[in-house]
N, C-alpha and C. Protein backbone atom coordinates (compact mmCIF):
# COMPACT_ATOMS: atom_id res chain seq x y z
N MET A 1 109.21 94.55 97.64
CA MET A 1 109.83 93.95 96.49
C MET A 1 111.33 94.21 96.59
N SER A 2 112.09 93.16 96.60
CA SER A 2 113.53 93.34 96.71
C SER A 2 114.12 93.60 95.34
N ALA A 3 115.14 94.40 95.33
CA ALA A 3 115.78 94.77 94.08
C ALA A 3 116.94 93.84 93.81
N PRO A 4 117.31 93.72 92.55
CA PRO A 4 118.43 92.86 92.20
C PRO A 4 119.69 93.32 92.92
N SER A 5 120.49 92.36 93.27
CA SER A 5 121.76 92.68 93.93
C SER A 5 122.76 91.61 93.60
N SER A 6 123.96 92.03 93.34
CA SER A 6 125.03 91.09 93.06
C SER A 6 126.35 91.80 93.28
N THR A 7 127.25 91.12 93.90
CA THR A 7 128.57 91.72 94.08
C THR A 7 129.48 91.37 92.91
N GLY A 8 128.98 90.58 91.97
CA GLY A 8 129.79 90.12 90.85
C GLY A 8 130.01 91.17 89.80
N THR A 9 130.86 90.81 88.87
CA THR A 9 131.13 91.66 87.71
C THR A 9 131.00 90.80 86.47
N GLY A 10 129.77 90.55 86.06
CA GLY A 10 129.52 89.71 84.91
C GLY A 10 129.76 90.44 83.62
N PRO A 11 129.52 89.74 82.50
CA PRO A 11 129.74 90.34 81.19
C PRO A 11 128.83 91.53 80.93
N GLY A 12 127.66 91.55 81.54
CA GLY A 12 126.74 92.68 81.35
C GLY A 12 127.30 93.97 81.90
N LEU A 13 127.95 93.88 83.04
CA LEU A 13 128.55 95.08 83.64
C LEU A 13 129.73 95.55 82.79
N ALA A 14 130.53 94.61 82.31
CA ALA A 14 131.65 94.98 81.44
C ALA A 14 131.13 95.66 80.17
N LYS A 15 130.02 95.15 79.63
CA LYS A 15 129.43 95.76 78.44
C LYS A 15 128.94 97.18 78.75
N LEU A 16 128.26 97.34 79.89
CA LEU A 16 127.78 98.66 80.29
C LEU A 16 128.95 99.63 80.41
N ASN A 17 130.03 99.17 81.03
CA ASN A 17 131.20 100.02 81.21
C ASN A 17 131.83 100.44 79.88
N SER A 18 131.69 99.60 78.85
CA SER A 18 132.36 99.88 77.58
C SER A 18 131.45 100.46 76.50
N LEU A 19 130.16 100.57 76.76
CA LEU A 19 129.25 101.12 75.75
C LEU A 19 129.61 102.55 75.41
N PRO A 20 129.48 102.92 74.16
CA PRO A 20 129.63 104.34 73.82
C PRO A 20 128.59 105.14 74.60
N ARG A 21 128.99 106.30 75.04
CA ARG A 21 128.11 107.11 75.91
C ARG A 21 126.70 107.31 75.32
N PRO A 22 126.53 107.68 74.04
CA PRO A 22 125.17 107.89 73.52
C PRO A 22 124.29 106.64 73.63
N GLU A 23 124.87 105.47 73.38
CA GLU A 23 124.09 104.22 73.48
C GLU A 23 123.73 103.94 74.94
N LEU A 24 124.68 104.14 75.84
CA LEU A 24 124.40 103.92 77.26
C LEU A 24 123.32 104.88 77.75
N ILE A 25 123.41 106.15 77.38
CA ILE A 25 122.40 107.13 77.80
C ILE A 25 121.03 106.70 77.31
N LYS A 26 120.94 106.25 76.08
CA LYS A 26 119.65 105.79 75.52
C LYS A 26 119.09 104.65 76.37
N GLN A 27 119.93 103.68 76.73
CA GLN A 27 119.47 102.56 77.55
C GLN A 27 119.08 103.01 78.95
N LEU A 28 119.84 103.93 79.52
CA LEU A 28 119.53 104.42 80.87
C LEU A 28 118.23 105.22 80.89
N LEU A 29 117.98 106.00 79.85
CA LEU A 29 116.74 106.76 79.79
C LEU A 29 115.52 105.85 79.66
N ALA A 30 115.71 104.63 79.13
CA ALA A 30 114.62 103.65 79.11
C ALA A 30 114.34 103.12 80.51
N CYS A 31 115.33 103.21 81.38
CA CYS A 31 115.16 102.79 82.78
C CYS A 31 114.44 103.87 83.59
N LEU A 32 114.88 105.10 83.41
CA LEU A 32 114.32 106.25 84.11
C LEU A 32 114.55 107.46 83.22
N ASP A 33 113.49 108.03 82.71
CA ASP A 33 113.60 109.10 81.73
C ASP A 33 113.91 110.44 82.41
N VAL A 34 115.12 110.50 82.98
CA VAL A 34 115.63 111.70 83.63
C VAL A 34 117.07 111.87 83.18
N GLN A 35 117.32 112.90 82.40
CA GLN A 35 118.64 113.10 81.80
C GLN A 35 119.74 113.19 82.86
N ARG A 36 119.51 113.94 83.94
CA ARG A 36 120.54 114.08 84.98
C ARG A 36 120.90 112.73 85.57
N TRP A 37 119.92 111.89 85.81
CA TRP A 37 120.14 110.56 86.38
C TRP A 37 121.01 109.73 85.42
N ALA A 38 120.63 109.72 84.15
CA ALA A 38 121.38 108.95 83.15
C ALA A 38 122.81 109.47 83.03
N ASN A 39 122.97 110.78 83.01
CA ASN A 39 124.31 111.37 82.92
C ASN A 39 125.16 110.99 84.12
N GLU A 40 124.58 111.05 85.29
CA GLU A 40 125.35 110.72 86.50
C GLU A 40 125.84 109.27 86.47
N ILE A 41 124.99 108.36 86.06
CA ILE A 41 125.40 106.96 85.99
C ILE A 41 126.48 106.77 84.93
N ALA A 42 126.29 107.37 83.77
CA ALA A 42 127.28 107.25 82.70
C ALA A 42 128.62 107.87 83.11
N ASP A 43 128.56 109.00 83.79
CA ASP A 43 129.79 109.71 84.16
C ASP A 43 130.62 108.99 85.22
N ARG A 44 130.01 108.13 85.98
CA ARG A 44 130.74 107.46 87.07
C ARG A 44 131.36 106.13 86.65
N ARG A 45 131.26 105.79 85.40
CA ARG A 45 131.90 104.57 84.93
C ARG A 45 133.40 104.68 85.05
N PRO A 46 134.11 103.58 85.17
CA PRO A 46 133.63 102.19 85.18
C PRO A 46 133.19 101.75 86.57
N TYR A 47 132.26 100.80 86.57
CA TYR A 47 131.77 100.20 87.82
C TYR A 47 132.51 98.90 88.06
N ARG A 48 132.88 98.68 89.31
CA ARG A 48 133.61 97.47 89.68
C ARG A 48 132.67 96.31 90.01
N SER A 49 131.42 96.64 90.34
CA SER A 49 130.46 95.59 90.69
C SER A 49 129.05 96.06 90.39
N ASP A 50 128.14 95.11 90.28
CA ASP A 50 126.74 95.44 90.10
C ASP A 50 126.25 96.28 91.28
N ASP A 51 126.66 95.91 92.47
CA ASP A 51 126.24 96.65 93.67
C ASP A 51 126.64 98.11 93.61
N GLU A 52 127.85 98.37 93.12
CA GLU A 52 128.31 99.76 93.01
C GLU A 52 127.41 100.53 92.03
N LEU A 53 127.09 99.90 90.91
CA LEU A 53 126.20 100.51 89.93
C LEU A 53 124.84 100.81 90.54
N TYR A 54 124.24 99.83 91.24
CA TYR A 54 122.93 100.03 91.86
C TYR A 54 122.98 101.11 92.92
N GLU A 55 124.07 101.19 93.65
CA GLU A 55 124.20 102.21 94.70
C GLU A 55 124.20 103.61 94.08
N VAL A 56 124.95 103.79 93.00
CA VAL A 56 125.00 105.08 92.32
C VAL A 56 123.62 105.41 91.74
N ALA A 57 122.98 104.44 91.12
CA ALA A 57 121.65 104.65 90.53
C ALA A 57 120.63 105.01 91.59
N ASP A 58 120.64 104.29 92.71
CA ASP A 58 119.70 104.58 93.79
C ASP A 58 119.92 105.98 94.36
N ARG A 59 121.16 106.33 94.60
CA ARG A 59 121.47 107.64 95.17
C ARG A 59 121.02 108.75 94.22
N ALA A 60 121.30 108.60 92.94
CA ALA A 60 120.90 109.61 91.96
C ALA A 60 119.38 109.71 91.87
N ALA A 61 118.69 108.59 92.04
CA ALA A 61 117.22 108.59 91.97
C ALA A 61 116.59 109.17 93.23
N THR A 62 117.25 109.09 94.37
CA THR A 62 116.67 109.67 95.58
C THR A 62 116.71 111.19 95.55
N GLU A 63 117.47 111.75 94.62
CA GLU A 63 117.60 113.20 94.51
C GLU A 63 116.70 113.78 93.41
N LEU A 64 115.70 113.01 92.95
CA LEU A 64 114.83 113.49 91.89
C LEU A 64 114.07 114.74 92.34
N THR A 65 114.04 115.73 91.46
CA THR A 65 113.25 116.93 91.72
C THR A 65 111.81 116.66 91.30
N GLU A 66 110.91 117.53 91.70
CA GLU A 66 109.52 117.37 91.30
C GLU A 66 109.38 117.45 89.78
N ASP A 67 110.12 118.35 89.14
CA ASP A 67 110.09 118.46 87.68
C ASP A 67 110.59 117.17 87.03
N GLU A 68 111.66 116.59 87.57
CA GLU A 68 112.18 115.33 87.02
C GLU A 68 111.17 114.20 87.20
N ILE A 69 110.49 114.18 88.33
CA ILE A 69 109.47 113.15 88.57
C ILE A 69 108.36 113.27 87.53
N HIS A 70 107.88 114.48 87.30
CA HIS A 70 106.82 114.68 86.31
C HIS A 70 107.30 114.31 84.91
N SER A 71 108.51 114.63 84.60
CA SER A 71 109.07 114.27 83.30
C SER A 71 109.14 112.75 83.14
N ALA A 72 109.61 112.08 84.17
CA ALA A 72 109.72 110.62 84.13
C ALA A 72 108.35 109.96 84.03
N LEU A 73 107.36 110.53 84.70
CA LEU A 73 106.01 109.97 84.66
C LEU A 73 105.44 109.95 83.25
N ALA A 74 105.85 110.91 82.44
CA ALA A 74 105.34 111.00 81.06
C ALA A 74 105.72 109.77 80.24
N ALA A 75 106.74 109.05 80.66
CA ALA A 75 107.18 107.85 79.92
C ALA A 75 106.43 106.59 80.35
N HIS A 76 105.50 106.72 81.31
CA HIS A 76 104.81 105.55 81.84
C HIS A 76 103.32 105.59 81.50
N PRO A 77 102.79 104.46 80.99
CA PRO A 77 101.35 104.41 80.74
C PRO A 77 100.59 104.23 82.05
N ARG A 78 99.31 104.48 82.00
CA ARG A 78 98.46 104.22 83.17
C ARG A 78 98.48 102.73 83.47
N ILE A 79 98.36 102.40 84.75
CA ILE A 79 98.24 101.00 85.13
C ILE A 79 96.95 100.47 84.52
N GLY A 80 97.06 99.34 83.84
CA GLY A 80 95.92 98.74 83.17
C GLY A 80 95.82 99.10 81.71
N GLN A 81 96.62 100.05 81.25
CA GLN A 81 96.64 100.41 79.84
C GLN A 81 97.97 99.98 79.25
N ARG A 82 97.93 99.08 78.34
CA ARG A 82 99.15 98.57 77.72
C ARG A 82 99.79 99.63 76.83
N SER A 83 101.07 99.79 76.99
CA SER A 83 101.82 100.68 76.13
C SER A 83 101.90 100.05 74.74
N THR A 84 101.69 100.86 73.72
CA THR A 84 101.72 100.33 72.36
C THR A 84 103.00 100.66 71.62
N GLY A 85 103.89 101.38 72.27
CA GLY A 85 105.14 101.76 71.63
C GLY A 85 106.03 100.57 71.34
N LYS A 86 107.03 100.80 70.51
CA LYS A 86 107.96 99.73 70.12
C LYS A 86 109.34 99.91 70.77
N ASP A 87 109.49 100.98 71.55
CA ASP A 87 110.79 101.21 72.17
C ASP A 87 110.99 100.32 73.40
N THR A 88 112.18 100.35 73.94
CA THR A 88 112.53 99.50 75.07
C THR A 88 111.67 99.78 76.28
N SER A 89 111.45 101.03 76.61
CA SER A 89 110.65 101.40 77.77
C SER A 89 109.23 100.86 77.65
N ALA A 90 108.62 100.97 76.48
CA ALA A 90 107.26 100.46 76.27
C ALA A 90 107.22 98.94 76.41
N SER A 91 108.21 98.27 75.87
CA SER A 91 108.30 96.82 75.99
C SER A 91 108.41 96.40 77.45
N TRP A 92 109.28 97.09 78.19
CA TRP A 92 109.44 96.76 79.60
C TRP A 92 108.16 97.04 80.38
N SER A 93 107.47 98.11 80.04
CA SER A 93 106.22 98.44 80.71
C SER A 93 105.18 97.35 80.51
N ARG A 94 105.07 96.84 79.29
CA ARG A 94 104.12 95.74 79.03
C ARG A 94 104.48 94.53 79.87
N ARG A 95 105.76 94.23 79.96
CA ARG A 95 106.23 93.10 80.76
C ARG A 95 105.93 93.30 82.24
N GLU A 96 106.15 94.52 82.73
CA GLU A 96 105.93 94.82 84.14
C GLU A 96 104.45 94.75 84.51
N GLN A 97 103.57 95.07 83.57
CA GLN A 97 102.14 95.04 83.84
C GLN A 97 101.50 93.72 83.42
N ALA A 98 102.28 92.71 83.22
CA ALA A 98 101.76 91.42 82.76
C ALA A 98 100.76 90.81 83.74
N GLY A 99 100.81 91.18 84.99
CA GLY A 99 99.89 90.65 85.99
C GLY A 99 98.49 91.23 85.90
N VAL A 100 98.29 92.25 85.06
CA VAL A 100 96.97 92.84 84.88
C VAL A 100 96.30 92.08 83.74
N ASP A 101 95.24 91.36 84.05
CA ASP A 101 94.52 90.55 83.06
C ASP A 101 93.75 91.47 82.11
N ALA A 102 94.22 91.56 80.88
CA ALA A 102 93.60 92.44 79.88
C ALA A 102 92.17 92.02 79.55
N ASP A 103 91.80 90.78 79.84
CA ASP A 103 90.46 90.29 79.52
C ASP A 103 89.48 90.47 80.67
N ASP A 104 89.93 90.97 81.80
CA ASP A 104 89.05 91.19 82.96
C ASP A 104 88.41 92.57 82.82
N THR A 105 87.22 92.60 82.22
CA THR A 105 86.53 93.85 81.94
C THR A 105 86.20 94.62 83.20
N LYS A 106 85.74 93.93 84.22
CA LYS A 106 85.39 94.59 85.49
C LYS A 106 86.61 95.28 86.09
N LEU A 107 87.73 94.58 86.11
CA LEU A 107 88.97 95.16 86.63
C LEU A 107 89.40 96.35 85.79
N ALA A 108 89.29 96.24 84.48
CA ALA A 108 89.69 97.33 83.58
C ALA A 108 88.88 98.60 83.88
N VAL A 109 87.57 98.44 84.10
CA VAL A 109 86.72 99.58 84.42
C VAL A 109 87.10 100.17 85.77
N GLU A 110 87.32 99.31 86.77
CA GLU A 110 87.69 99.78 88.10
C GLU A 110 89.04 100.51 88.07
N LEU A 111 90.00 99.96 87.33
CA LEU A 111 91.30 100.63 87.21
C LEU A 111 91.16 101.98 86.51
N ALA A 112 90.38 102.03 85.44
CA ALA A 112 90.20 103.29 84.71
C ALA A 112 89.57 104.35 85.62
N GLU A 113 88.56 103.96 86.37
CA GLU A 113 87.89 104.90 87.28
C GLU A 113 88.84 105.36 88.39
N ALA A 114 89.57 104.43 88.96
CA ALA A 114 90.50 104.77 90.04
C ALA A 114 91.65 105.63 89.51
N ASN A 115 92.14 105.31 88.30
CA ASN A 115 93.19 106.14 87.68
C ASN A 115 92.70 107.57 87.50
N GLU A 116 91.47 107.74 87.04
CA GLU A 116 90.91 109.08 86.84
C GLU A 116 90.81 109.82 88.17
N GLU A 117 90.34 109.14 89.21
CA GLU A 117 90.24 109.77 90.52
C GLU A 117 91.62 110.17 91.03
N TYR A 118 92.60 109.29 90.86
CA TYR A 118 93.97 109.58 91.29
C TYR A 118 94.50 110.81 90.55
N GLU A 119 94.31 110.84 89.25
CA GLU A 119 94.84 111.95 88.45
C GLU A 119 94.16 113.27 88.80
N ARG A 120 92.87 113.23 89.10
CA ARG A 120 92.18 114.45 89.56
C ARG A 120 92.78 114.92 90.88
N ARG A 121 93.06 113.98 91.77
CA ARG A 121 93.57 114.33 93.11
C ARG A 121 95.00 114.85 93.06
N PHE A 122 95.86 114.18 92.28
CA PHE A 122 97.29 114.50 92.33
C PHE A 122 97.83 115.20 91.08
N GLY A 123 97.09 115.19 89.99
CA GLY A 123 97.53 115.90 88.80
C GLY A 123 98.55 115.16 87.96
N HIS A 124 98.71 113.87 88.21
CA HIS A 124 99.63 113.07 87.40
C HIS A 124 99.19 111.61 87.44
N VAL A 125 99.78 110.83 86.54
CA VAL A 125 99.45 109.42 86.42
C VAL A 125 99.87 108.65 87.69
N TYR A 126 99.06 107.66 88.05
CA TYR A 126 99.39 106.76 89.16
C TYR A 126 100.54 105.87 88.72
N LEU A 127 101.57 105.82 89.52
CA LEU A 127 102.73 105.00 89.20
C LEU A 127 103.05 104.09 90.37
N VAL A 128 103.28 102.85 90.03
CA VAL A 128 103.68 101.86 91.02
C VAL A 128 104.59 100.85 90.34
N CYS A 129 105.51 100.30 91.07
CA CYS A 129 106.34 99.23 90.51
C CYS A 129 105.44 98.00 90.40
N ALA A 130 104.97 97.73 89.19
CA ALA A 130 103.94 96.72 88.95
C ALA A 130 104.49 95.31 88.77
N SER A 131 105.77 95.19 88.60
CA SER A 131 106.38 93.90 88.31
C SER A 131 106.04 92.87 89.38
N GLY A 132 105.47 91.73 88.94
CA GLY A 132 105.14 90.64 89.85
C GLY A 132 103.85 90.84 90.62
N ARG A 133 103.10 91.87 90.32
CA ARG A 133 101.85 92.15 91.05
C ARG A 133 100.65 91.93 90.15
N SER A 134 99.57 91.50 90.75
CA SER A 134 98.33 91.26 90.01
C SER A 134 97.55 92.56 89.83
N GLY A 135 96.61 92.54 88.91
CA GLY A 135 95.75 93.69 88.69
C GLY A 135 94.98 94.09 89.95
N PRO A 136 94.34 93.13 90.63
CA PRO A 136 93.63 93.51 91.86
C PRO A 136 94.56 94.10 92.92
N GLU A 137 95.78 93.60 93.02
CA GLU A 137 96.73 94.15 93.98
C GLU A 137 97.10 95.59 93.62
N LEU A 138 97.31 95.85 92.33
CA LEU A 138 97.65 97.20 91.88
C LEU A 138 96.50 98.17 92.13
N LEU A 139 95.27 97.69 91.94
CA LEU A 139 94.09 98.51 92.21
C LEU A 139 93.98 98.82 93.70
N GLU A 140 94.24 97.84 94.53
CA GLU A 140 94.19 98.04 95.98
C GLU A 140 95.23 99.08 96.42
N ILE A 141 96.44 98.98 95.86
CA ILE A 141 97.50 99.93 96.20
C ILE A 141 97.08 101.34 95.76
N LEU A 142 96.53 101.45 94.55
CA LEU A 142 96.08 102.74 94.04
C LEU A 142 95.07 103.35 95.00
N ARG A 143 94.06 102.59 95.37
CA ARG A 143 93.02 103.10 96.27
C ARG A 143 93.60 103.53 97.62
N SER A 144 94.55 102.77 98.13
CA SER A 144 95.13 103.12 99.43
C SER A 144 95.94 104.42 99.34
N ARG A 145 96.53 104.68 98.21
CA ARG A 145 97.35 105.89 98.05
C ARG A 145 96.51 107.14 97.86
N LEU A 146 95.23 107.00 97.57
CA LEU A 146 94.36 108.16 97.44
C LEU A 146 94.24 108.92 98.75
N ASP A 147 94.55 108.28 99.87
CA ASP A 147 94.49 108.93 101.18
C ASP A 147 95.74 109.76 101.47
N ASN A 148 96.77 109.62 100.66
CA ASN A 148 98.00 110.40 100.88
C ASN A 148 97.77 111.87 100.60
N ASP A 149 98.52 112.72 101.30
CA ASP A 149 98.54 114.13 100.93
C ASP A 149 99.50 114.26 99.75
N PRO A 150 99.43 115.35 98.98
CA PRO A 150 100.27 115.48 97.78
C PRO A 150 101.77 115.36 98.03
N THR A 151 102.26 115.88 99.13
CA THR A 151 103.69 115.80 99.42
C THR A 151 104.12 114.36 99.68
N THR A 152 103.33 113.65 100.47
CA THR A 152 103.63 112.24 100.74
C THR A 152 103.57 111.43 99.46
N GLU A 153 102.55 111.69 98.66
CA GLU A 153 102.39 110.93 97.41
C GLU A 153 103.56 111.18 96.46
N MET A 154 104.06 112.41 96.42
CA MET A 154 105.21 112.70 95.55
C MET A 154 106.42 111.89 96.00
N ARG A 155 106.61 111.74 97.31
CA ARG A 155 107.73 110.92 97.82
C ARG A 155 107.52 109.46 97.45
N VAL A 156 106.28 108.98 97.54
CA VAL A 156 105.98 107.59 97.17
C VAL A 156 106.27 107.38 95.69
N VAL A 157 105.84 108.30 94.85
CA VAL A 157 106.07 108.19 93.41
C VAL A 157 107.56 108.16 93.11
N ALA A 158 108.32 109.02 93.75
CA ALA A 158 109.77 109.05 93.54
C ALA A 158 110.39 107.71 93.90
N ASP A 159 109.94 107.12 95.00
CA ASP A 159 110.46 105.82 95.40
C ASP A 159 110.06 104.73 94.41
N GLU A 160 108.85 104.80 93.89
CA GLU A 160 108.41 103.82 92.88
C GLU A 160 109.22 103.96 91.60
N LEU A 161 109.52 105.19 91.20
CA LEU A 161 110.38 105.40 90.04
C LEU A 161 111.76 104.78 90.26
N ARG A 162 112.29 104.95 91.46
CA ARG A 162 113.60 104.38 91.79
C ARG A 162 113.56 102.85 91.69
N LYS A 163 112.50 102.23 92.22
CA LYS A 163 112.37 100.77 92.15
C LYS A 163 112.30 100.29 90.70
N ILE A 164 111.49 100.97 89.91
CA ILE A 164 111.36 100.60 88.49
C ILE A 164 112.71 100.76 87.78
N ALA A 165 113.38 101.87 88.05
CA ALA A 165 114.68 102.12 87.41
C ALA A 165 115.67 101.01 87.76
N ARG A 166 115.66 100.58 89.00
CA ARG A 166 116.60 99.54 89.43
C ARG A 166 116.30 98.21 88.73
N LEU A 167 115.03 97.86 88.65
CA LEU A 167 114.67 96.62 87.95
C LEU A 167 115.06 96.68 86.47
N ARG A 168 114.82 97.82 85.87
CA ARG A 168 115.16 97.97 84.45
C ARG A 168 116.67 98.01 84.25
N LEU A 169 117.38 98.63 85.17
CA LEU A 169 118.85 98.64 85.09
C LEU A 169 119.40 97.22 85.14
N ALA A 170 118.77 96.37 85.94
CA ALA A 170 119.18 94.95 86.00
C ALA A 170 119.02 94.32 84.61
N ARG A 171 117.96 94.68 83.88
CA ARG A 171 117.76 94.13 82.54
C ARG A 171 118.85 94.62 81.58
N VAL A 172 119.29 95.85 81.77
CA VAL A 172 120.36 96.39 80.93
C VAL A 172 121.64 95.58 81.13
N ILE A 173 122.00 95.28 82.37
CA ILE A 173 123.26 94.55 82.59
C ILE A 173 123.11 93.05 82.38
N GLU A 174 121.86 92.57 82.30
CA GLU A 174 121.64 91.15 81.99
C GLU A 174 121.67 90.91 80.49
N ALA A 175 121.43 91.95 79.71
CA ALA A 175 121.31 91.81 78.24
C ALA A 175 122.65 91.46 77.62
C-alpha cells in the first residue's frame, strides 16, 4: 500500500503549521497515540512541503519503543469489531475497516477466533493497515502472521502503525 506523497504546500499544510499546539497534538494523537511522536512532529514545524512532514512522521514512527507500540495499540479496535467511539480516531478506524462486511457472520466468527488466537500468541491486539482491504484479505494476513516469532511480529506491528499514522496524517492535512 503506497502512502500519500506530495511535494506541494497546500492549504492543509499551512493550517497544520499554524494550528495552536494543543489542537495539533490532539489531531496527531488521533493519527498515532504516542505522545513523543506527536510532540516531535509539532516541534519541527513549520513544514515546507507535505513530503517533509511525512518524512519527519515516518522517522519518528520508526523509533517506536515496545511500550509506545503497546500504548498505541490500545487506541485500535480488533479487526472486524467496529469502534463505537465518537472521536476522530474511532471514526477513522470505522472508515479504514469498511472492507469488512459486518453482515458476513461466517467471516465475523473466523475473525473473532483468529483474533483470539493472535492475542494468546502475542499478548496484544492484531493490527494491520486495513484501509482498502477486504475482510477475507485481513483474515488471511492475520493467519499468516501467526507464524511470526514475537520479535518479528513486533516489528511488523510497528510498521503497520507507521502506515496507519501516515494515512491519517494525510487526512489531517486534507481537512
